[in-house]
Amino acid sequence: MNENIQQLCDALTALGVSECENLLPKLGIDHHFVDAHNIALLAPGERKQFGNLLHLAGRITSSQLEEALADQARSGKKLGEILVERMLISEHEMNVLLAFQKNQSQEVKSVKKLQLGNLLVAMGEITQDQLNHALDWQIKYGGKLGAALIATGHANTLQIKKGVHLQSKLLIGLLLVAMALASPLMVTNAYAGSQTGAIAVSTMVLPSARMQINHQAGQIHITAKDIAQGYVDVKAASLFTVATSRGTTYFIDVHPRSDIFSSVKIEGLGSQVILGSEGGSITQSGLGLRSPENVLNYRFMLKGDLQPGMYDWPLQLAVRV
């Protein structure tokens, strides 16, 4: 199993798909994992809107999508261009998303290995002969393949739902791997619940990832000059290393812990990342075992109602796979 296939398997496992190491070889898709656009040829399911693909993959929040769509309505620009301008995705990532969207179109004769029938065969829910019979029935009577499988008695509603569920997970996994290949960093929504307690960078130990904190600023000093210019820079505020069990893709979650900033620019993880006040996740692709110490610099865009003084450090970091 090559590295990119392994990343897909790791992503599927994180999404709750079990036994992916047995499933993926049956699909015969290994040779597509050479670059992002070959992966995009596999894009399964019905065509989805550009913003919905990003949101489905957890790459942007609902509010970020709504703001970008409002900007699109005002400016007439394409949604992808707006998201690139806002630094939520890169131009390379935009092109990958467009390729996914194109290959989901009915007009494009893209690879069909991840279509519903083939997935059900790989899952052991139906046989190849049963799929062929249902396809013949579909050609004769029309409709969707799921309905044809049910009409021919080869599958039930529960089996169809299982296949569609796996297909949606595969789409997300393929998006994550392809976009990771298109750019070393991705920004996604951090699904963090409300938290209480002292402000600190946490160390989250998971079965296949570990963050070692070597230094973390505990407070941030905001002066009248900082407030007047609208931002404050903090150099070398976070120093840490990340080790993974297989050097695979991992996520650094950034959770806001106070209400002093409207956005934050983070440097030190390969390229510049900008997150909103709700935080986000930074995806690293296979760098865990080889990465030297990460030294993060921050620029916090301050909210307008602050007073000069010392504040608790406004972010909490954690690592997950």
C-alpha atoms as a PDB file:
ATOM      1  CA  MET A   1       0.000   0.000   0.000  1.00  0.00           C
ATOM      2  CA  ASN A   2       1.655   3.263  -1.133  1.00  0.00           C
ATOM      3  CA  GLU A   3       1.846   6.347   1.068  1.00  0.00           C
ATOM      4  CA  ASN A   4      -1.112   8.173  -0.504  1.00  0.00           C
ATOM      5  CA  ILE A   5      -3.335   5.079  -0.309  1.00  0.00           C
ATOM      6  CA  GLN A   6      -2.284   4.739   3.331  1.00  0.00           C
ATOM      7  CA  GLN A   7      -3.333   8.349   3.946  1.00  0.00           C
ATOM      8  CA  LEU A   8      -6.723   7.576   2.418  1.00  0.00           C
ATOM      9  CA  CYS A   9      -7.035   4.539   4.674  1.00  0.00           C
ATOM     10  CA  ASP A  10      -6.113   6.635   7.723  1.00  0.00           C
ATOM     11  CA  ALA A  11      -8.680   9.273   6.744  1.00  0.00           C
ATOM     12  CA  LEU A  12     -11.391   6.626   6.264  1.00  0.00           C
ATOM     13  CA  THR A  13     -10.563   5.064   9.622  1.00  0.00           C
ATOM     14  CA  ALA A  14     -10.906   8.480  11.265  1.00  0.00           C
ATOM     15  CA  LEU A  15     -14.275   8.832   9.511  1.00  0.00           C
ATOM     16  CA  GLY A  16     -15.453   5.539  11.012  1.00  0.00           C
ATOM     17  CA  VAL A  17     -14.867   3.192   8.058  1.00  0.00           C
ATOM     18  CA  SER A  18     -13.500  -0.104   9.370  1.00  0.00           C
ATOM     19  CA  GLU A  19     -11.321  -2.656   7.563  1.00  0.00           C
ATOM     20  CA  CYS A  20     -10.269  -0.182   4.858  1.00  0.00           C
ATOM     21  CA  GLU A  21      -6.998  -2.106   4.374  1.00  0.00           C
ATOM     22  CA  ASN A  22      -9.071  -5.057   3.134  1.00  0.00           C
ATOM     23  CA  LEU A  23     -11.556  -2.937   1.185  1.00  0.00           C
ATOM     24  CA  LEU A  24      -9.281  -0.627  -0.827  1.00  0.00           C
ATOM     25  CA  PRO A  25      -7.317  -3.357  -2.685  1.00  0.00           C
ATOM     26  CA  LYS A  26     -10.608  -4.791  -3.959  1.00  0.00           C
ATOM     27  CA  LEU A  27     -11.452  -1.452  -5.609  1.00  0.00           C
ATOM     28  CA  GLY A  28      -8.349  -1.470  -7.845  1.00  0.00           C
ATOM     29  CA  ILE A  29      -7.628   2.243  -7.495  1.00  0.00           C
ATOM     30  CA  ASP A  30      -3.954   2.188  -6.425  1.00  0.00           C
ATOM     31  CA  HIS A  31      -2.587   3.434  -9.766  1.00  0.00           C
ATOM     32  CA  HIS A  32      -4.618   6.664  -9.451  1.00  0.00           C
ATOM     33  CA  PHE A  33      -2.703   7.789  -6.379  1.00  0.00           C
ATOM     34  CA  VAL A  34       0.167   9.445  -8.228  1.00  0.00           C
ATOM     35  CA  ASP A  35      -1.099  13.032  -8.036  1.00  0.00           C
ATOM     36  CA  ALA A  36      -4.130  15.094  -7.045  1.00  0.00           C
ATOM     37  CA  HIS A  37      -5.764  15.230 -10.468  1.00  0.00           C
ATOM     38  CA  ASN A  38      -5.575  11.465 -10.998  1.00  0.00           C
ATOM     39  CA  ILE A  39      -7.231  11.059  -7.603  1.00  0.00           C
ATOM     40  CA  ALA A  40      -9.924  13.517  -8.704  1.00  0.00           C
ATOM     41  CA  LEU A  41     -10.803  11.146 -11.562  1.00  0.00           C
ATOM     42  CA  LEU A  42     -12.189   8.792  -8.919  1.00  0.00           C
ATOM     43  CA  ALA A  43     -14.658  11.386  -7.560  1.00  0.00           C
ATOM     44  CA  PRO A  44     -17.825   9.388  -6.718  1.00  0.00           C
ATOM     45  CA  GLY A  45     -21.422  10.426  -6.238  1.00  0.00           C
ATOM     46  CA  GLU A  46     -23.593  13.049  -7.828  1.00  0.00           C
ATOM     47  CA  ARG A  47     -22.193  16.482  -8.674  1.00  0.00           C
ATOM     48  CA  LYS A  48     -21.954  18.779  -5.644  1.00  0.00           C
ATOM     49  CA  GLN A  49     -21.519  22.528  -5.543  1.00  0.00           C
ATOM     50  CA  PHE A  50     -18.014  23.866  -5.027  1.00  0.00           C
ATOM     51  CA  GLY A  51     -18.685  25.270  -1.571  1.00  0.00           C
ATOM     52  CA  ASN A  52     -20.501  22.116  -0.487  1.00  0.00           C
ATOM     53  CA  LEU A  53     -17.463  19.992  -1.377  1.00  0.00           C
ATOM     54  CA  LEU A  54     -15.273  22.155   0.842  1.00  0.00           C
ATOM     55  CA  HIS A  55     -17.772  22.115   3.674  1.00  0.00           C
ATOM     56  CA  LEU A  56     -18.306  18.369   3.326  1.00  0.00           C
ATOM     57  CA  ALA A  57     -14.581  17.842   3.804  1.00  0.00           C
ATOM     58  CA  GLY A  58     -14.618  20.087   6.874  1.00  0.00           C
ATOM     59  CA  ARG A  59     -12.362  22.584   5.115  1.00  0.00           C
ATOM     60  CA  ILE A  60     -14.511  25.659   5.766  1.00  0.00           C
ATOM     61  CA  THR A  61     -17.138  26.499   8.338  1.00  0.00           C
ATOM     62  CA  SER A  62     -20.763  27.289   7.575  1.00  0.00           C
ATOM     63  CA  SER A  63     -20.175  30.947   8.427  1.00  0.00           C
ATOM     64  CA  GLN A  64     -17.115  31.140   6.148  1.00  0.00           C
ATOM     65  CA  LEU A  65     -19.141  29.666   3.291  1.00  0.00           C
ATOM     66  CA  GLU A  66     -22.050  32.032   3.902  1.00  0.00           C
ATOM     67  CA  GLU A  67     -19.720  35.061   3.963  1.00  0.00           C
ATOM     68  CA  ALA A  68     -18.016  33.947   0.750  1.00  0.00           C
ATOM     69  CA  LEU A  69     -21.373  33.363  -0.973  1.00  0.00           C
ATOM     70  CA  ALA A  70     -22.535  36.823   0.100  1.00  0.00           C
ATOM     71  CA  ASP A  71     -19.323  38.272  -1.332  1.00  0.00           C
ATOM     72  CA  GLN A  72     -19.959  36.335  -4.542  1.00  0.00           C
ATOM     73  CA  ALA A  73     -23.470  37.787  -4.826  1.00  0.00           C
ATOM     74  CA  ARG A  74     -22.073  41.313  -4.417  1.00  0.00           C
ATOM     75  CA  SER A  75     -19.020  41.004  -6.639  1.00  0.00           C
ATOM     76  CA  GLY A  76     -20.041  38.455  -9.259  1.00  0.00           C
ATOM     77  CA  LYS A  77     -16.723  36.651  -8.811  1.00  0.00           C
ATOM     78  CA  LYS A  78     -16.422  32.891  -8.778  1.00  0.00           C
ATOM     79  CA  LEU A  79     -16.626  31.305  -5.352  1.00  0.00           C
ATOM     80  CA  GLY A  80     -13.234  29.622  -5.706  1.00  0.00           C
ATOM     81  CA  GLU A  81     -11.545  32.939  -6.495  1.00  0.00           C
ATOM     82  CA  ILE A  82     -13.098  34.508  -3.413  1.00  0.00           C
ATOM     83  CA  LEU A  83     -11.930  31.668  -1.171  1.00  0.00           C
ATOM     84  CA  VAL A  84      -8.399  31.978  -2.597  1.00  0.00           C
ATOM     85  CA  GLU A  85      -8.442  35.739  -1.965  1.00  0.00           C
ATOM     86  CA  ARG A  86      -9.522  35.071   1.619  1.00  0.00           C
ATOM     87  CA  MET A  87      -6.634  32.575   1.927  1.00  0.00           C
ATOM     88  CA  LEU A  88      -8.990  29.784   2.942  1.00  0.00           C
ATOM     89  CA  ILE A  89      -7.656  27.629   0.102  1.00  0.00           C
ATOM     90  CA  SER A  90      -4.761  27.871  -2.337  1.00  0.00           C
ATOM     91  CA  GLU A  91      -5.092  28.199  -6.102  1.00  0.00           C
ATOM     92  CA  HIS A  92      -3.807  24.631  -6.500  1.00  0.00           C
ATOM     93  CA  GLU A  93      -6.461  23.386  -4.088  1.00  0.00           C
ATOM     94  CA  MET A  94      -9.133  25.318  -5.992  1.00  0.00           C
ATOM     95  CA  ASN A  95      -8.113  23.536  -9.204  1.00  0.00           C
ATOM     96  CA  VAL A  96      -8.323  20.161  -7.461  1.00  0.00           C
ATOM     97  CA  LEU A  97     -11.826  20.939  -6.207  1.00  0.00           C
ATOM     98  CA  LEU A  98     -12.903  21.996  -9.691  1.00  0.00           C
ATOM     99  CA  ALA A  99     -11.560  18.698 -11.024  1.00  0.00           C
ATOM    100  CA  PHE A 100     -13.567  16.767  -8.411  1.00  0.00           C
ATOM    101  CA  GLN A 101     -16.683  18.718  -9.306  1.00  0.00           C
ATOM    102  CA  LYS A 102     -16.147  18.153 -13.039  1.00  0.00           C
ATOM    103  CA  ASN A 103     -15.607  14.422 -12.619  1.00  0.00           C
ATOM    104  CA  GLN A 104     -18.848  14.092 -10.656  1.00  0.00           C
ATOM    105  CA  SER A 105     -20.726  15.475 -13.654  1.00  0.00           C
ATOM    106  CA  GLN A 106     -22.892  13.089 -15.654  1.00  0.00           C
ATOM    107  CA  GLU A 107     -21.371  14.489 -18.867  1.00  0.00           C
ATOM    108  CA  VAL A 108     -17.845  13.379 -17.941  1.00  0.00           C
ATOM    109  CA  LYS A 109     -16.892   9.749 -18.499  1.00  0.00           C
ATOM    110  CA  SER A 110     -14.649   9.552 -15.446  1.00  0.00           C
ATOM    111  CA  VAL A 111     -13.508   6.419 -13.635  1.00  0.00           C
ATOM    112  CA  LYS A 112     -16.511   4.517 -12.236  1.00  0.00           C
ATOM    113  CA  LYS A 113     -14.685   2.261  -9.798  1.00  0.00           C
ATOM    114  CA  LEU A 114     -16.203   4.023  -6.784  1.00  0.00           C
ATOM    115  CA  GLN A 115     -19.756   4.022  -8.057  1.00  0.00           C
ATOM    116  CA  LEU A 116     -22.394   2.361  -5.902  1.00  0.00           C
ATOM    117  CA  GLY A 117     -22.478  -1.039  -7.608  1.00  0.00           C
ATOM    118  CA  ASN A 118     -18.724  -1.588  -7.465  1.00  0.00           C
ATOM    119  CA  LEU A 119     -18.647  -0.545  -3.814  1.00  0.00           C
ATOM    120  CA  LEU A 120     -21.367  -3.044  -2.938  1.00  0.00           C
ATOM    121  CA  VAL A 121     -19.389  -5.796  -4.697  1.00  0.00           C
ATOM    122  CA  ALA A 122     -16.196  -4.833  -2.842  1.00  0.00           C
ATOM    123  CA  MET A 123     -18.129  -4.803   0.442  1.00  0.00           C
ATOM    124  CA  GLY A 124     -19.437  -8.317  -0.257  1.00  0.00           C
ATOM    125  CA  GLU A 125     -23.060  -7.158  -0.269  1.00  0.00           C
ATOM    126  CA  ILE A 126     -23.707  -8.347  -3.841  1.00  0.00           C
ATOM    127  CA  THR A 127     -21.849 -10.385  -6.479  1.00  0.00           C
ATOM    128  CA  GLN A 128     -20.539  -9.159  -9.835  1.00  0.00           C
ATOM    129  CA  ASP A 129     -23.179 -11.242 -11.640  1.00  0.00           C
ATOM    130  CA  GLN A 130     -25.923  -9.611  -9.562  1.00  0.00           C
ATOM    131  CA  LEU A 131     -24.524  -6.168 -10.382  1.00  0.00           C
ATOM    132  CA  ASN A 132     -24.442  -6.986 -14.102  1.00  0.00           C
ATOM    133  CA  HIS A 133     -28.066  -8.183 -13.963  1.00  0.00           C
ATOM    134  CA  ALA A 134     -29.131  -4.966 -12.217  1.00  0.00           C
ATOM    135  CA  LEU A 135     -27.241  -2.858 -14.760  1.00  0.00           C
ATOM    136  CA  ASP A 136     -29.062  -4.630 -17.597  1.00  0.00           C
ATOM    137  CA  TRP A 137     -32.374  -3.978 -15.804  1.00  0.00           C
ATOM    138  CA  GLN A 138     -31.410  -0.296 -15.368  1.00  0.00           C
ATOM    139  CA  ILE A 139     -30.634   0.059 -19.087  1.00  0.00           C
ATOM    140  CA  LYS A 140     -34.030  -1.406 -19.951  1.00  0.00           C
ATOM    141  CA  TYR A 141     -36.213   0.419 -17.409  1.00  0.00           C
ATOM    142  CA  GLY A 142     -34.157   3.445 -16.375  1.00  0.00           C
ATOM    143  CA  GLY A 143     -33.834   4.948 -12.913  1.00  0.00           C
ATOM    144  CA  LYS A 144     -30.993   4.776 -10.411  1.00  0.00           C
ATOM    145  CA  LEU A 145     -28.871   1.710  -9.798  1.00  0.00           C
ATOM    146  CA  GLY A 146     -30.020   1.409  -6.172  1.00  0.00           C
ATOM    147  CA  ALA A 147     -33.619   1.092  -7.344  1.00  0.00           C
ATOM    148  CA  ALA A 148     -32.569  -1.462  -9.972  1.00  0.00           C
ATOM    149  CA  LEU A 149     -30.770  -3.594  -7.372  1.00  0.00           C
ATOM    150  CA  ILE A 150     -33.849  -3.558  -5.146  1.00  0.00           C
ATOM    151  CA  ALA A 151     -36.221  -4.266  -8.052  1.00  0.00           C
ATOM    152  CA  THR A 152     -34.163  -7.271  -9.142  1.00  0.00           C
ATOM    153  CA  GLY A 153     -34.032  -8.583  -5.573  1.00  0.00           C
ATOM    154  CA  HIS A 154     -30.244  -8.388  -5.309  1.00  0.00           C
ATOM    155  CA  ALA A 155     -30.104  -5.809  -2.504  1.00  0.00           C
ATOM    156  CA  ASN A 156     -32.327  -4.252   0.142  1.00  0.00           C
ATOM    157  CA  THR A 157     -32.685  -0.670   1.299  1.00  0.00           C
ATOM    158  CA  LEU A 158     -30.255  -1.111   4.184  1.00  0.00           C
ATOM    159  CA  GLN A 159     -27.539  -2.421   1.856  1.00  0.00           C
ATOM    160  CA  ILE A 160     -28.050   0.497  -0.511  1.00  0.00           C
ATOM    161  CA  LYS A 161     -27.753   2.937   2.386  1.00  0.00           C
ATOM    162  CA  LYS A 162     -24.515   1.245   3.504  1.00  0.00           C
ATOM    163  CA  GLY A 163     -23.076   1.639   0.008  1.00  0.00           C
ATOM    164  CA  VAL A 164     -24.102   5.299  -0.277  1.00  0.00           C
ATOM    165  CA  HIS A 165     -22.670   5.974   3.186  1.00  0.00           C
ATOM    166  CA  LEU A 166     -19.314   4.449   2.208  1.00  0.00           C
ATOM    167  CA  GLN A 167     -19.342   6.409  -1.042  1.00  0.00           C
ATOM    168  CA  SER A 168     -19.744   9.698   0.851  1.00  0.00           C
ATOM    169  CA  LYS A 169     -16.871   8.805   3.186  1.00  0.00           C
ATOM    170  CA  LEU A 170     -14.671   7.911   0.220  1.00  0.00           C
ATOM    171  CA  LEU A 171     -15.413  11.281  -1.354  1.00  0.00           C
ATOM    172  CA  ILE A 172     -14.292  13.080   1.808  1.00  0.00           C
ATOM    173  CA  GLY A 173     -11.178  10.930   2.127  1.00  0.00           C
ATOM    174  CA  LEU A 174     -10.215  11.441  -1.514  1.00  0.00           C
ATOM    175  CA  LEU A 175     -10.699  15.198  -1.165  1.00  0.00           C
ATOM    176  CA  LEU A 176      -8.451  15.340   1.894  1.00  0.00           C
ATOM    177  CA  VAL A 177      -5.670  13.329   0.250  1.00  0.00           C
ATOM    178  CA  ALA A 178      -5.850  15.196  -3.068  1.00  0.00           C
ATOM    179  CA  MET A 179      -5.844  18.617  -1.435  1.00  0.00           C
ATOM    180  CA  ALA A 180      -2.970  17.605   0.827  1.00  0.00           C
ATOM    181  CA  LEU A 181      -1.006  16.716  -2.319  1.00  0.00           C
ATOM    182  CA  ALA A 182      -1.953  20.053  -3.898  1.00  0.00           C
ATOM    183  CA  SER A 183      -0.747  22.063  -0.909  1.00  0.00           C
ATOM    184  CA  PRO A 184       1.310  21.192   2.192  1.00  0.00           C
ATOM    185  CA  LEU A 185      -1.205  22.928   4.449  1.00  0.00           C
ATOM    186  CA  MET A 186      -4.964  23.004   4.604  1.00  0.00           C
ATOM    187  CA  VAL A 187      -7.275  25.024   6.812  1.00  0.00           C
ATOM    188  CA  THR A 188     -10.385  23.284   8.104  1.00  0.00           C
ATOM    189  CA  ASN A 189     -12.972  23.858  10.745  1.00  0.00           C
ATOM    190  CA  ALA A 190     -12.064  22.847  14.285  1.00  0.00           C
ATOM    191  CA  TYR A 191     -15.077  21.039  15.709  1.00  0.00           C
ATOM    192  CA  ALA A 192     -14.268  22.039  19.287  1.00  0.00           C
ATOM    193  CA  GLY A 193     -16.880  22.166  21.992  1.00  0.00           C
ATOM    194  CA  SER A 194     -16.939  24.805  24.693  1.00  0.00           C
ATOM    195  CA  GLN A 195     -14.054  24.516  27.132  1.00  0.00           C
ATOM    196  CA  THR A 196     -13.200  26.048  30.474  1.00  0.00           C
ATOM    197  CA  GLY A 197     -10.094  26.339  32.599  1.00  0.00           C
ATOM    198  CA  ALA A 198      -6.700  27.970  32.381  1.00  0.00           C
ATOM    199  CA  ILE A 199      -5.366  29.077  29.038  1.00  0.00           C
ATOM    200  CA  ALA A 200      -2.597  26.743  27.860  1.00  0.00           C
ATOM    201  CA  VAL A 201      -1.486  24.706  24.913  1.00  0.00           C
ATOM    202  CA  SER A 202      -2.661  21.174  25.538  1.00  0.00           C
ATOM    203  CA  THR A 203      -0.884  17.961  24.728  1.00  0.00           C
ATOM    204  CA  MET A 204      -3.365  15.469  23.284  1.00  0.00           C
ATOM    205  CA  VAL A 205      -2.001  11.966  23.095  1.00  0.00           C
ATOM    206  CA  LEU A 206      -3.735   9.708  20.576  1.00  0.00           C
ATOM    207  CA  PRO A 207      -2.869   6.143  19.578  1.00  0.00           C
ATOM    208  CA  SER A 208      -0.965   7.326  16.499  1.00  0.00           C
ATOM    209  CA  ALA A 209       0.036  10.931  17.225  1.00  0.00           C
ATOM    210  CA  ARG A 210       1.800  12.797  20.006  1.00  0.00           C
ATOM    211  CA  MET A 211       2.567  16.483  20.495  1.00  0.00           C
ATOM    212  CA  GLN A 212       5.540  17.411  22.666  1.00  0.00           C
ATOM    213  CA  ILE A 213       5.315  20.999  23.946  1.00  0.00           C
ATOM    214  CA  ASN A 214       8.745  22.548  24.480  1.00  0.00           C
ATOM    215  CA  HIS A 215       7.568  26.115  25.108  1.00  0.00           C
ATOM    216  CA  GLN A 216       4.263  27.961  25.120  1.00  0.00           C
ATOM    217  CA  ALA A 217       3.605  31.593  25.961  1.00  0.00           C
ATOM    218  CA  GLY A 218       1.154  31.846  28.840  1.00  0.00           C
ATOM    219  CA  GLN A 219       0.133  35.473  28.352  1.00  0.00           C
ATOM    220  CA  ILE A 220       0.044  38.137  25.672  1.00  0.00           C
ATOM    221  CA  HIS A 221       0.905  41.804  26.294  1.00  0.00           C
ATOM    222  CA  ILE A 222      -1.229  44.246  24.329  1.00  0.00           C
ATOM    223  CA  THR A 223      -0.149  47.883  24.280  1.00  0.00           C
ATOM    224  CA  ALA A 224      -1.959  51.041  23.257  1.00  0.00           C
ATOM    225  CA  LYS A 225       0.199  51.069  20.114  1.00  0.00           C
ATOM    226  CA  ASP A 226      -0.960  47.544  19.255  1.00  0.00           C
ATOM    227  CA  ILE A 227      -4.588  48.576  19.650  1.00  0.00           C
ATOM    228  CA  ALA A 228      -4.055  51.671  17.508  1.00  0.00           C
ATOM    229  CA  GLN A 229      -2.520  49.655  14.658  1.00  0.00           C
ATOM    230  CA  GLY A 230      -5.105  46.898  15.019  1.00  0.00           C
ATOM    231  CA  TYR A 231      -2.828  43.918  15.554  1.00  0.00           C
ATOM    232  CA  VAL A 232      -0.122  42.466  17.765  1.00  0.00           C
ATOM    233  CA  ASP A 233       2.781  40.248  16.693  1.00  0.00           C
ATOM    234  CA  VAL A 234       4.117  37.498  18.961  1.00  0.00           C
ATOM    235  CA  LYS A 235       7.285  35.733  17.833  1.00  0.00           C
ATOM    236  CA  ALA A 236       8.235  32.157  18.781  1.00  0.00           C
ATOM    237  CA  ALA A 237       5.210  31.826  21.076  1.00  0.00           C
ATOM    238  CA  SER A 238       4.758  28.069  20.499  1.00  0.00           C
ATOM    239  CA  LEU A 239       7.561  25.510  20.172  1.00  0.00           C
ATOM    240  CA  PHE A 240       6.620  21.842  19.744  1.00  0.00           C
ATOM    241  CA  THR A 241       7.304  18.617  17.872  1.00  0.00           C
ATOM    242  CA  VAL A 242       4.821  16.028  16.602  1.00  0.00           C
ATOM    243  CA  ALA A 243       5.534  12.306  16.273  1.00  0.00           C
ATOM    244  CA  THR A 244       3.175   9.949  14.455  1.00  0.00           C
ATOM    245  CA  SER A 245       3.217   6.176  14.415  1.00  0.00           C
ATOM    246  CA  ARG A 246       3.581   6.028  10.634  1.00  0.00           C
ATOM    247  CA  GLY A 247       4.409   9.594   9.677  1.00  0.00           C
ATOM    248  CA  THR A 248       0.962   9.998   8.167  1.00  0.00           C
ATOM    249  CA  THR A 249      -1.442  12.916   7.883  1.00  0.00           C
ATOM    250  CA  TYR A 250      -2.336  14.604  11.151  1.00  0.00           C
ATOM    251  CA  PHE A 251      -4.316  17.673  12.204  1.00  0.00           C
ATOM    252  CA  ILE A 252      -3.247  20.480  14.512  1.00  0.00           C
ATOM    253  CA  ASP A 253      -6.440  21.877  16.001  1.00  0.00           C
ATOM    254  CA  VAL A 254      -6.405  25.537  16.981  1.00  0.00           C
ATOM    255  CA  HIS A 255      -9.065  26.331  19.573  1.00  0.00           C
ATOM    256  CA  PRO A 256      -9.791  29.964  20.559  1.00  0.00           C
ATOM    257  CA  ARG A 257      -9.832  30.490  24.311  1.00  0.00           C
ATOM    258  CA  SER A 258     -10.696  34.191  24.493  1.00  0.00           C
ATOM    259  CA  ASP A 259     -12.495  36.880  22.513  1.00  0.00           C
ATOM    260  CA  ILE A 260      -9.665  39.335  21.883  1.00  0.00           C
ATOM    261  CA  PHE A 261      -9.013  38.705  18.159  1.00  0.00           C
ATOM    262  CA  SER A 262     -11.009  38.620  14.924  1.00  0.00           C
ATOM    263  CA  SER A 263      -8.447  36.545  13.019  1.00  0.00           C
ATOM    264  CA  VAL A 264      -4.952  35.169  13.504  1.00  0.00           C
ATOM    265  CA  LYS A 265      -2.101  34.606  11.057  1.00  0.00           C
ATOM    266  CA  ILE A 266       0.175  31.684  11.935  1.00  0.00           C
ATOM    267  CA  GLU A 267       3.627  31.165  10.426  1.00  0.00           C
ATOM    268  CA  GLY A 268       5.988  28.247  10.936  1.00  0.00           C
ATOM    269  CA  LEU A 269       4.249  25.169   9.523  1.00  0.00           C
ATOM    270  CA  GLY A 270       5.428  25.347   5.929  1.00  0.00           C
ATOM    271  CA  SER A 271       3.254  28.208   4.717  1.00  0.00           C
ATOM    272  CA  GLN A 272       1.197  31.022   6.153  1.00  0.00           C
ATOM    273  CA  VAL A 273      -2.211  30.120   7.600  1.00  0.00           C
ATOM    274  CA  ILE A 274      -4.992  32.549   8.484  1.00  0.00           C
ATOM    275  CA  LEU A 275      -7.835  31.449  10.756  1.00  0.00           C
ATOM    276  CA  GLY A 276     -10.944  33.286  11.898  1.00  0.00           C
ATOM    277  CA  SER A 277     -12.035  33.894  15.471  1.00  0.00           C
ATOM    278  CA  GLU A 278     -13.650  30.427  15.571  1.00  0.00           C
ATOM    279  CA  GLY A 279     -10.278  28.718  15.098  1.00  0.00           C
ATOM    280  CA  GLY A 280      -9.600  25.872  12.697  1.00  0.00           C
ATOM    281  CA  SER A 281      -7.390  22.894  11.877  1.00  0.00           C
ATOM    282  CA  ILE A 282      -4.068  22.816  10.070  1.00  0.00           C
ATOM    283  CA  THR A 283      -3.415  19.596   8.163  1.00  0.00           C
ATOM    284  CA  GLN A 284       0.137  18.300   7.917  1.00  0.00           C
ATOM    285  CA  SER A 285       0.855  15.561   5.378  1.00  0.00           C
ATOM    286  CA  GLY A 286       3.176  12.810   6.505  1.00  0.00           C
ATOM    287  CA  LEU A 287       5.684  15.028   8.284  1.00  0.00           C
ATOM    288  CA  GLY A 288       5.334  13.746  11.817  1.00  0.00           C
ATOM    289  CA  LEU A 289       8.459  11.638  12.134  1.00  0.00           C
ATOM    290  CA  ARG A 290      10.699  13.871  10.042  1.00  0.00           C
ATOM    291  CA  SER A 291       9.577  17.305  11.183  1.00  0.00           C
ATOM    292  CA  PRO A 292      12.025  19.340  13.275  1.00  0.00           C
ATOM    293  CA  GLU A 293      10.793  21.528  16.086  1.00  0.00           C
ATOM    294  CA  ASN A 294       7.896  23.709  14.981  1.00  0.00           C
ATOM    295  CA  VAL A 295       8.331  27.368  15.953  1.00  0.00           C
ATOM    296  CA  LEU A 296       5.127  29.357  15.497  1.00  0.00           C
ATOM    297  CA  ASN A 297       4.831  33.113  15.070  1.00  0.00           C
ATOM    298  CA  TYR A 298       1.438  34.781  15.428  1.00  0.00           C
ATOM    299  CA  ARG A 299      -0.202  37.995  14.278  1.00  0.00           C
ATOM    300  CA  PHE A 300      -3.503  38.582  16.085  1.00  0.00           C
ATOM    301  CA  MET A 301      -5.929  41.038  14.454  1.00  0.00           C
ATOM    302  CA  LEU A 302      -7.387  42.684  17.530  1.00  0.00           C
ATOM    303  CA  LYS A 303     -11.011  43.472  18.216  1.00  0.00           C
ATOM    304  CA  GLY A 304     -11.728  47.162  18.593  1.00  0.00           C
ATOM    305  CA  ASP A 305     -12.981  47.275  22.189  1.00  0.00           C
ATOM    306  CA  LEU A 306      -9.786  46.100  23.920  1.00  0.00           C
ATOM    307  CA  GLN A 307      -7.874  47.949  26.607  1.00  0.00           C
ATOM    308  CA  PRO A 308      -4.080  47.813  27.024  1.00  0.00           C
ATOM    309  CA  GLY A 309      -2.871  45.137  29.427  1.00  0.00           C
ATOM    310  CA  MET A 310      -1.858  41.522  29.945  1.00  0.00           C
ATOM    311  CA  TYR A 311      -4.222  38.832  28.667  1.00  0.00           C
ATOM    312  CA  ASP A 312      -4.177  35.049  28.962  1.00  0.00           C
ATOM    313  CA  TRP A 313      -2.841  33.330  25.865  1.00  0.00           C
ATOM    314  CA  PRO A 314      -5.845  33.196  23.488  1.00  0.00           C
ATOM    315  CA  LEU A 315      -5.279  29.852  21.752  1.00  0.00           C
ATOM    316  CA  GLN A 316      -5.088  26.176  22.631  1.00  0.00           C
ATOM    317  CA  LEU A 317      -3.387  23.658  20.334  1.00  0.00           C
ATOM    318  CA  ALA A 318      -3.938  19.921  20.093  1.00  0.00           C
ATOM    319  CA  VAL A 319      -2.933  17.191  17.646  1.00  0.00           C
ATOM    320  CA  ARG A 320      -5.114  14.420  16.226  1.00  0.00           C
ATOM    321  CA  VAL A 321      -5.217  12.054  13.263  1.00  0.00           C
END
